[in-house]
Amino acid sequence: MLFGTESFTNETPRLDESIGLEVAFIGFSAAKLALLAWSFVIFFNCLGEVQGFSAWKAVGNYFLALLLVAVPVGAILAFVYFLRH
């Protein structure tokens, strides 16, 4: 509500004119980044607890599972791309 539609556009004349709004925008962005980082910490701790691992092993397990899905999907997409071109 504070930034209006300028949060969704490339042109931000009202935000560029006001130092207060710019500082508030940076503050909200920093808070959002901190909450995102904290959500990853909580996620990996919970995942490790469920699997009986430490949080660091849960991180490795998560990325290993991501690779097991991403590599075949990427190979299929690359195959389809090269078939069309």
PDB file of N, CA and C in Angstrom:
ATOM      1  N   MET A   1       0.820  -1.179   0.000  1.00  0.00           N
ATOM      2  CA  MET A   1       0.000   0.000   0.000  1.00  0.00           C
ATOM      3  C   MET A   1       0.871   1.251   0.000  1.00  0.00           C
ATOM      4  N   LEU A   2       2.022   1.139   0.610  1.00  0.00           N
ATOM      5  CA  LEU A   2       2.903   2.295   0.727  1.00  0.00           C
ATOM      6  C   LEU A   2       3.467   2.705  -0.637  1.00  0.00           C
ATOM      7  N   PHE A   3       3.771   1.733  -1.488  1.00  0.00           N
ATOM      8  CA  PHE A   3       4.422   2.030  -2.759  1.00  0.00           C
ATOM      9  C   PHE A   3       3.459   2.026  -3.935  1.00  0.00           C
ATOM     10  N   GLY A   4       2.240   1.584  -3.737  1.00  0.00           N
ATOM     11  CA  GLY A   4       1.238   1.592  -4.792  1.00  0.00           C
ATOM     12  C   GLY A   4       1.611   0.679  -5.942  1.00  0.00           C
ATOM     13  N   THR A   5       1.284   1.118  -7.138  1.00  0.00           N
ATOM     14  CA  THR A   5       1.558   0.293  -8.321  1.00  0.00           C
ATOM     15  C   THR A   5       3.026   0.333  -8.726  1.00  0.00           C
ATOM     16  N   GLU A   6       3.811   1.158  -8.103  1.00  0.00           N
ATOM     17  CA  GLU A   6       5.230   1.254  -8.466  1.00  0.00           C
ATOM     18  C   GLU A   6       6.005  -0.002  -8.090  1.00  0.00           C
ATOM     19  N   SER A   7       5.428  -0.840  -7.260  1.00  0.00           N
ATOM     20  CA  SER A   7       6.068  -2.114  -6.925  1.00  0.00           C
ATOM     21  C   SER A   7       6.022  -3.078  -8.099  1.00  0.00           C
ATOM     22  N   PHE A   8       5.149  -2.814  -9.070  1.00  0.00           N
ATOM     23  CA  PHE A   8       4.920  -3.745 -10.168  1.00  0.00           C
ATOM     24  C   PHE A   8       5.295  -3.187 -11.526  1.00  0.00           C
ATOM     25  N   THR A   9       5.959  -2.037 -11.572  1.00  0.00           N
ATOM     26  CA  THR A   9       6.328  -1.438 -12.851  1.00  0.00           C
ATOM     27  C   THR A   9       7.817  -1.124 -12.872  1.00  0.00           C
ATOM     28  N   ASN A  10       8.324  -0.879 -14.065  1.00  0.00           N
ATOM     29  CA  ASN A  10       9.735  -0.500 -14.217  1.00  0.00           C
ATOM     30  C   ASN A  10       9.946   0.983 -13.937  1.00  0.00           C
ATOM     31  N   GLU A  11       8.934   1.783 -14.199  1.00  0.00           N
ATOM     32  CA  GLU A  11       9.028   3.223 -13.991  1.00  0.00           C
ATOM     33  C   GLU A  11       8.510   3.560 -12.600  1.00  0.00           C
ATOM     34  N   THR A  12       9.339   4.217 -11.803  1.00  0.00           N
ATOM     35  CA  THR A  12       8.971   4.531 -10.413  1.00  0.00           C
ATOM     36  C   THR A  12       9.237   6.005 -10.106  1.00  0.00           C
ATOM     37  N   PRO A  13       8.480   6.912 -10.701  1.00  0.00           N
ATOM     38  CA  PRO A  13       8.765   8.338 -10.487  1.00  0.00           C
ATOM     39  C   PRO A  13       8.528   8.788  -9.044  1.00  0.00           C
ATOM     40  N   ARG A  14       7.463   8.314  -8.397  1.00  0.00           N
ATOM     41  CA  ARG A  14       7.184   8.732  -7.030  1.00  0.00           C
ATOM     42  C   ARG A  14       8.233   8.187  -6.061  1.00  0.00           C
ATOM     43  N   LEU A  15       8.650   6.959  -6.287  1.00  0.00           N
ATOM     44  CA  LEU A  15       9.668   6.340  -5.434  1.00  0.00           C
ATOM     45  C   LEU A  15      11.029   7.006  -5.639  1.00  0.00           C
ATOM     46  N   ASP A  16      11.334   7.392  -6.870  1.00  0.00           N
ATOM     47  CA  ASP A  16      12.616   8.037  -7.158  1.00  0.00           C
ATOM     48  C   ASP A  16      12.704   9.441  -6.570  1.00  0.00           C
ATOM     49  N   GLU A  17      11.582  10.122  -6.431  1.00  0.00           N
ATOM     50  CA  GLU A  17      11.580  11.492  -5.903  1.00  0.00           C
ATOM     51  C   GLU A  17      11.706  11.544  -4.383  1.00  0.00           C
ATOM     52  N   SER A  18      11.224  10.534  -3.708  1.00  0.00           N
ATOM     53  CA  SER A  18      11.155  10.569  -2.249  1.00  0.00           C
ATOM     54  C   SER A  18      12.241   9.711  -1.612  1.00  0.00           C
ATOM     55  N   ILE A  19      13.121  10.347  -0.846  1.00  0.00           N
ATOM     56  CA  ILE A  19      14.178   9.623  -0.137  1.00  0.00           C
ATOM     57  C   ILE A  19      13.567   8.715   0.930  1.00  0.00           C
ATOM     58  N   GLY A  20      12.510   9.186   1.592  1.00  0.00           N
ATOM     59  CA  GLY A  20      11.865   8.388   2.636  1.00  0.00           C
ATOM     60  C   GLY A  20      11.286   7.095   2.093  1.00  0.00           C
ATOM     61  N   LEU A  21      10.616   7.187   0.932  1.00  0.00           N
ATOM     62  CA  LEU A  21      10.058   5.980   0.324  1.00  0.00           C
ATOM     63  C   LEU A  21      11.157   5.030  -0.135  1.00  0.00           C
ATOM     64  N   GLU A  22      12.247   5.597  -0.622  1.00  0.00           N
ATOM     65  CA  GLU A  22      13.360   4.766  -1.072  1.00  0.00           C
ATOM     66  C   GLU A  22      13.996   4.022   0.101  1.00  0.00           C
ATOM     67  N   VAL A  23      14.174   4.714   1.208  1.00  0.00           N
ATOM     68  CA  VAL A  23      14.731   4.081   2.413  1.00  0.00           C
ATOM     69  C   VAL A  23      13.775   3.002   2.932  1.00  0.00           C
ATOM     70  N   ALA A  24      12.465   3.289   2.905  1.00  0.00           N
ATOM     71  CA  ALA A  24      11.476   2.300   3.336  1.00  0.00           C
ATOM     72  C   ALA A  24      11.501   1.082   2.417  1.00  0.00           C
ATOM     73  N   PHE A  25      11.639   1.314   1.121  1.00  0.00           N
ATOM     74  CA  PHE A  25      11.687   0.210   0.164  1.00  0.00           C
ATOM     75  C   PHE A  25      12.900  -0.668   0.420  1.00  0.00           C
ATOM     76  N   ILE A  26      14.049  -0.047   0.668  1.00  0.00           N
ATOM     77  CA  ILE A  26      15.266  -0.813   0.966  1.00  0.00           C
ATOM     78  C   ILE A  26      15.110  -1.569   2.281  1.00  0.00           C
ATOM     79  N   GLY A  27      14.497  -0.940   3.264  1.00  0.00           N
ATOM     80  CA  GLY A  27      14.268  -1.604   4.548  1.00  0.00           C
ATOM     81  C   GLY A  27      13.357  -2.814   4.419  1.00  0.00           C
ATOM     82  N   PHE A  28      12.249  -2.651   3.664  1.00  0.00           N
ATOM     83  CA  PHE A  28      11.347  -3.778   3.449  1.00  0.00           C
ATOM     84  C   PHE A  28      12.030  -4.891   2.655  1.00  0.00           C
ATOM     85  N   SER A  29      12.852  -4.516   1.688  1.00  0.00           N
ATOM     86  CA  SER A  29      13.581  -5.522   0.910  1.00  0.00           C
ATOM     87  C   SER A  29      14.562  -6.289   1.789  1.00  0.00           C
ATOM     88  N   ALA A  30      15.247  -5.591   2.688  1.00  0.00           N
ATOM     89  CA  ALA A  30      16.175  -6.257   3.601  1.00  0.00           C
ATOM     90  C   ALA A  30      15.430  -7.188   4.561  1.00  0.00           C
ATOM     91  N   ALA A  31      14.282  -6.746   5.043  1.00  0.00           N
ATOM     92  CA  ALA A  31      13.480  -7.593   5.935  1.00  0.00           C
ATOM     93  C   ALA A  31      12.982  -8.830   5.197  1.00  0.00           C
ATOM     94  N   LYS A  32      12.574  -8.647   3.943  1.00  0.00           N
ATOM     95  CA  LYS A  32      12.115  -9.777   3.146  1.00  0.00           C
ATOM     96  C   LYS A  32      13.246 -10.778   2.914  1.00  0.00           C
ATOM     97  N   LEU A  33      14.448 -10.279   2.658  1.00  0.00           N
ATOM     98  CA  LEU A  33      15.604 -11.149   2.464  1.00  0.00           C
ATOM     99  C   LEU A  33      15.953 -11.900   3.741  1.00  0.00           C
ATOM    100  N   ALA A  34      15.878 -11.222   4.882  1.00  0.00           N
ATOM    101  CA  ALA A  34      16.164 -11.877   6.161  1.00  0.00           C
ATOM    102  C   ALA A  34      15.130 -12.962   6.465  1.00  0.00           C
ATOM    103  N   LEU A  35      13.855 -12.680   6.194  1.00  0.00           N
ATOM    104  CA  LEU A  35      12.815 -13.688   6.416  1.00  0.00           C
ATOM    105  C   LEU A  35      12.957 -14.870   5.469  1.00  0.00           C
ATOM    106  N   LEU A  36      13.389 -14.616   4.241  1.00  0.00           N
ATOM    107  CA  LEU A  36      13.630 -15.697   3.302  1.00  0.00           C
ATOM    108  C   LEU A  36      14.759 -16.595   3.790  1.00  0.00           C
ATOM    109  N   ALA A  37      15.850 -15.992   4.247  1.00  0.00           N
ATOM    110  CA  ALA A  37      16.970 -16.773   4.768  1.00  0.00           C
ATOM    111  C   ALA A  37      16.537 -17.586   5.994  1.00  0.00           C
ATOM    112  N   TRP A  38      15.759 -16.964   6.872  1.00  0.00           N
ATOM    113  CA  TRP A  38      15.295 -17.666   8.066  1.00  0.00           C
ATOM    114  C   TRP A  38      14.359 -18.818   7.692  1.00  0.00           C
ATOM    115  N   SER A  39      13.544 -18.638   6.665  1.00  0.00           N
ATOM    116  CA  SER A  39      12.655 -19.720   6.247  1.00  0.00           C
ATOM    117  C   SER A  39      13.450 -20.914   5.725  1.00  0.00           C
ATOM    118  N   PHE A  40      14.588 -20.667   5.049  1.00  0.00           N
ATOM    119  CA  PHE A  40      15.438 -21.770   4.621  1.00  0.00           C
ATOM    120  C   PHE A  40      16.066 -22.482   5.818  1.00  0.00           C
ATOM    121  N   VAL A  41      16.479 -21.726   6.814  1.00  0.00           N
ATOM    122  CA  VAL A  41      17.049 -22.333   8.026  1.00  0.00           C
ATOM    123  C   VAL A  41      16.018 -23.242   8.696  1.00  0.00           C
ATOM    124  N   ILE A  42      14.811 -22.735   8.854  1.00  0.00           N
ATOM    125  CA  ILE A  42      13.737 -23.523   9.471  1.00  0.00           C
ATOM    126  C   ILE A  42      13.408 -24.749   8.620  1.00  0.00           C
ATOM    127  N   PHE A  43      13.323 -24.565   7.300  1.00  0.00           N
ATOM    128  CA  PHE A  43      13.005 -25.677   6.408  1.00  0.00           C
ATOM    129  C   PHE A  43      14.031 -26.792   6.522  1.00  0.00           C
ATOM    130  N   PHE A  44      15.318 -26.454   6.463  1.00  0.00           N
ATOM    131  CA  PHE A  44      16.336 -27.493   6.496  1.00  0.00           C
ATOM    132  C   PHE A  44      16.454 -28.136   7.871  1.00  0.00           C
ATOM    133  N   ASN A  45      16.215 -27.381   8.920  1.00  0.00           N
ATOM    134  CA  ASN A  45      16.188 -27.984  10.252  1.00  0.00           C
ATOM    135  C   ASN A  45      15.017 -28.954  10.389  1.00  0.00           C
ATOM    136  N   CYS A  46      13.863 -28.584   9.883  1.00  0.00           N
ATOM    137  CA  CYS A  46      12.692 -29.472   9.942  1.00  0.00           C
ATOM    138  C   CYS A  46      12.910 -30.709   9.075  1.00  0.00           C
ATOM    139  N   LEU A  47      13.451 -30.522   7.885  1.00  0.00           N
ATOM    140  CA  LEU A  47      13.727 -31.647   7.003  1.00  0.00           C
ATOM    141  C   LEU A  47      14.722 -32.604   7.646  1.00  0.00           C
ATOM    142  N   GLY A  48      15.753 -32.060   8.257  1.00  0.00           N
ATOM    143  CA  GLY A  48      16.728 -32.903   8.953  1.00  0.00           C
ATOM    144  C   GLY A  48      16.106 -33.640  10.126  1.00  0.00           C
ATOM    145  N   GLU A  49      15.225 -33.000  10.843  1.00  0.00           N
ATOM    146  CA  GLU A  49      14.551 -33.644  11.979  1.00  0.00           C
ATOM    147  C   GLU A  49      13.671 -34.799  11.510  1.00  0.00           C
ATOM    148  N   VAL A  50      12.928 -34.588  10.446  1.00  0.00           N
ATOM    149  CA  VAL A  50      12.041 -35.626   9.925  1.00  0.00           C
ATOM    150  C   VAL A  50      12.843 -36.820   9.421  1.00  0.00           C
ATOM    151  N   GLN A  51      13.965 -36.549   8.745  1.00  0.00           N
ATOM    152  CA  GLN A  51      14.756 -37.625   8.164  1.00  0.00           C
ATOM    153  C   GLN A  51      15.772 -38.213   9.137  1.00  0.00           C
ATOM    154  N   GLY A  52      15.910 -37.615  10.300  1.00  0.00           N
ATOM    155  CA  GLY A  52      16.881 -38.101  11.269  1.00  0.00           C
ATOM    156  C   GLY A  52      18.309 -37.704  10.934  1.00  0.00           C
ATOM    157  N   PHE A  53      18.463 -36.626  10.175  1.00  0.00           N
ATOM    158  CA  PHE A  53      19.771 -36.110   9.779  1.00  0.00           C
ATOM    159  C   PHE A  53      20.043 -34.809  10.508  1.00  0.00           C
ATOM    160  N   SER A  54      21.281 -34.319  10.335  1.00  0.00           N
ATOM    161  CA  SER A  54      21.561 -32.945  10.750  1.00  0.00           C
ATOM    162  C   SER A  54      21.023 -32.011   9.669  1.00  0.00           C
ATOM    163  N   ALA A  55      20.969 -30.739   9.987  1.00  0.00           N
ATOM    164  CA  ALA A  55      20.471 -29.767   9.002  1.00  0.00           C
ATOM    165  C   ALA A  55      21.385 -29.721   7.773  1.00  0.00           C
ATOM    166  N   TRP A  56      22.689 -29.878   7.968  1.00  0.00           N
ATOM    167  CA  TRP A  56      23.619 -29.841   6.840  1.00  0.00           C
ATOM    168  C   TRP A  56      23.442 -31.047   5.936  1.00  0.00           C
ATOM    169  N   LYS A  57      23.196 -32.217   6.508  1.00  0.00           N
ATOM    170  CA  LYS A  57      22.918 -33.385   5.672  1.00  0.00           C
ATOM    171  C   LYS A  57      21.593 -33.220   4.946  1.00  0.00           C
ATOM    172  N   ALA A  58      20.637 -32.549   5.579  1.00  0.00           N
ATOM    173  CA  ALA A  58      19.354 -32.290   4.931  1.00  0.00           C
ATOM    174  C   ALA A  58      19.539 -31.372   3.730  1.00  0.00           C
ATOM    175  N   VAL A  59      20.436 -30.405   3.834  1.00  0.00           N
ATOM    176  CA  VAL A  59      20.733 -29.523   2.691  1.00  0.00           C
ATOM    177  C   VAL A  59      21.286 -30.355   1.533  1.00  0.00           C
ATOM    178  N   GLY A  60      22.251 -31.220   1.837  1.00  0.00           N
ATOM    179  CA  GLY A  60      22.820 -32.088   0.803  1.00  0.00           C
ATOM    180  C   GLY A  60      21.779 -33.019   0.208  1.00  0.00           C
ATOM    181  N   ASN A  61      20.942 -33.574   1.051  1.00  0.00           N
ATOM    182  CA  ASN A  61      19.887 -34.465   0.592  1.00  0.00           C
ATOM    183  C   ASN A  61      18.904 -33.732  -0.311  1.00  0.00           C
ATOM    184  N   TYR A  62      18.560 -32.518   0.043  1.00  0.00           N
ATOM    185  CA  TYR A  62      17.637 -31.717  -0.755  1.00  0.00           C
ATOM    186  C   TYR A  62      18.216 -31.449  -2.143  1.00  0.00           C
ATOM    187  N   PHE A  63      19.476 -31.034  -2.208  1.00  0.00           N
ATOM    188  CA  PHE A  63      20.071 -30.724  -3.504  1.00  0.00           C
ATOM    189  C   PHE A  63      20.324 -31.971  -4.329  1.00  0.00           C
ATOM    190  N   LEU A  64      20.596 -33.096  -3.673  1.00  0.00           N
ATOM    191  CA  LEU A  64      20.735 -34.357  -4.398  1.00  0.00           C
ATOM    192  C   LEU A  64      19.399 -34.752  -5.024  1.00  0.00           C
ATOM    193  N   ALA A  65      18.317 -34.620  -4.278  1.00  0.00           N
ATOM    194  CA  ALA A  65      16.987 -34.917  -4.821  1.00  0.00           C
ATOM    195  C   ALA A  65      16.639 -33.952  -5.949  1.00  0.00           C
ATOM    196  N   LEU A  66      17.018 -32.699  -5.797  1.00  0.00           N
ATOM    197  CA  LEU A  66      16.777 -31.712  -6.850  1.00  0.00           C
ATOM    198  C   LEU A  66      17.525 -32.091  -8.131  1.00  0.00           C
ATOM    199  N   LEU A  67      18.750 -32.543  -7.994  1.00  0.00           N
ATOM    200  CA  LEU A  67      19.519 -32.976  -9.158  1.00  0.00           C
ATOM    201  C   LEU A  67      18.914 -34.207  -9.810  1.00  0.00           C
ATOM    202  N   LEU A  68      18.421 -35.135  -8.994  1.00  0.00           N
ATOM    203  CA  LEU A  68      17.828 -36.350  -9.545  1.00  0.00           C
ATOM    204  C   LEU A  68      16.583 -36.045 -10.374  1.00  0.00           C
ATOM    205  N   VAL A  69      15.931 -34.936 -10.103  1.00  0.00           N
ATOM    206  CA  VAL A  69      14.765 -34.537 -10.888  1.00  0.00           C
ATOM    207  C   VAL A  69      15.183 -33.605 -12.021  1.00  0.00           C
ATOM    208  N   ALA A  70      16.068 -32.661 -11.739  1.00  0.00           N
ATOM    209  CA  ALA A  70      16.413 -31.623 -12.709  1.00  0.00           C
ATOM    210  C   ALA A  70      17.211 -32.159 -13.893  1.00  0.00           C
ATOM    211  N   VAL A  71      18.104 -33.089 -13.665  1.00  0.00           N
ATOM    212  CA  VAL A  71      18.941 -33.595 -14.764  1.00  0.00           C
ATOM    213  C   VAL A  71      18.103 -34.319 -15.815  1.00  0.00           C
ATOM    214  N   PRO A  72      17.244 -35.276 -15.444  1.00  0.00           N
ATOM    215  CA  PRO A  72      16.423 -35.908 -16.487  1.00  0.00           C
ATOM    216  C   PRO A  72      15.460 -34.935 -17.178  1.00  0.00           C
ATOM    217  N   VAL A  73      14.858 -34.044 -16.422  1.00  0.00           N
ATOM    218  CA  VAL A  73      13.949 -33.066 -17.029  1.00  0.00           C
ATOM    219  C   VAL A  73      14.726 -32.162 -17.977  1.00  0.00           C
ATOM    220  N   GLY A  74      15.895 -31.714 -17.584  1.00  0.00           N
ATOM    221  CA  GLY A  74      16.722 -30.891 -18.462  1.00  0.00           C
ATOM    222  C   GLY A  74      17.148 -31.636 -19.715  1.00  0.00           C
ATOM    223  N   ALA A  75      17.467 -32.916 -19.566  1.00  0.00           N
ATOM    224  CA  ALA A  75      17.850 -33.716 -20.735  1.00  0.00           C
ATOM    225  C   ALA A  75      16.671 -33.873 -21.690  1.00  0.00           C
ATOM    226  N   ILE A  76      15.496 -34.110 -21.158  1.00  0.00           N
ATOM    227  CA  ILE A  76      14.305 -34.240 -22.003  1.00  0.00           C
ATOM    228  C   ILE A  76      14.012 -32.922 -22.720  1.00  0.00           C
ATOM    229  N   LEU A  77      14.080 -31.810 -21.996  1.00  0.00           N
ATOM    230  CA  LEU A  77      13.838 -30.504 -22.617  1.00  0.00           C
ATOM    231  C   LEU A  77      14.871 -30.191 -23.688  1.00  0.00           C
ATOM    232  N   ALA A  78      16.142 -30.532 -23.447  1.00  0.00           N
ATOM    233  CA  ALA A  78      17.187 -30.303 -24.447  1.00  0.00           C
ATOM    234  C   ALA A  78      16.945 -31.168 -25.679  1.00  0.00           C
ATOM    235  N   PHE A  79      16.541 -32.420 -25.463  1.00  0.00           N
ATOM    236  CA  PHE A  79      16.250 -33.329 -26.570  1.00  0.00           C
ATOM    237  C   PHE A  79      15.106 -32.788 -27.427  1.00  0.00           C
ATOM    238  N   VAL A  80      14.040 -32.331 -26.781  1.00  0.00           N
ATOM    239  CA  VAL A  80      12.890 -31.784 -27.502  1.00  0.00           C
ATOM    240  C   VAL A  80      13.292 -30.507 -28.238  1.00  0.00           C
ATOM    241  N   TYR A  81      14.114 -29.673 -27.607  1.00  0.00           N
ATOM    242  CA  TYR A  81      14.556 -28.434 -28.253  1.00  0.00           C
ATOM    243  C   TYR A  81      15.348 -28.733 -29.521  1.00  0.00           C
ATOM    244  N   PHE A  82      16.264 -29.703 -29.427  1.00  0.00           N
ATOM    245  CA  PHE A  82      17.098 -30.005 -30.603  1.00  0.00           C
ATOM    246  C   PHE A  82      16.313 -30.732 -31.682  1.00  0.00           C
ATOM    247  N   LEU A  83      15.239 -31.426 -31.325  1.00  0.00           N
ATOM    248  CA  LEU A  83      14.386 -32.035 -32.331  1.00  0.00           C
ATOM    249  C   LEU A  83      13.636 -30.994 -33.151  1.00  0.00           C
ATOM    250  N   ARG A  84      13.238 -29.928 -32.497  1.00  0.00           N
ATOM    251  CA  ARG A  84      12.475 -28.877 -33.176  1.00  0.00           C
ATOM    252  C   ARG A  84      13.350 -27.956 -34.005  1.00  0.00           C
ATOM    253  N   HIS A  85      14.612 -27.878 -33.706  1.00  0.00           N
ATOM    254  CA  HIS A  85      15.477 -26.945 -34.449  1.00  0.00           C
ATOM    255  C   HIS A  85      16.433 -27.711 -35.261  1.00  0.00           C
TER     256      HIS A  85
END
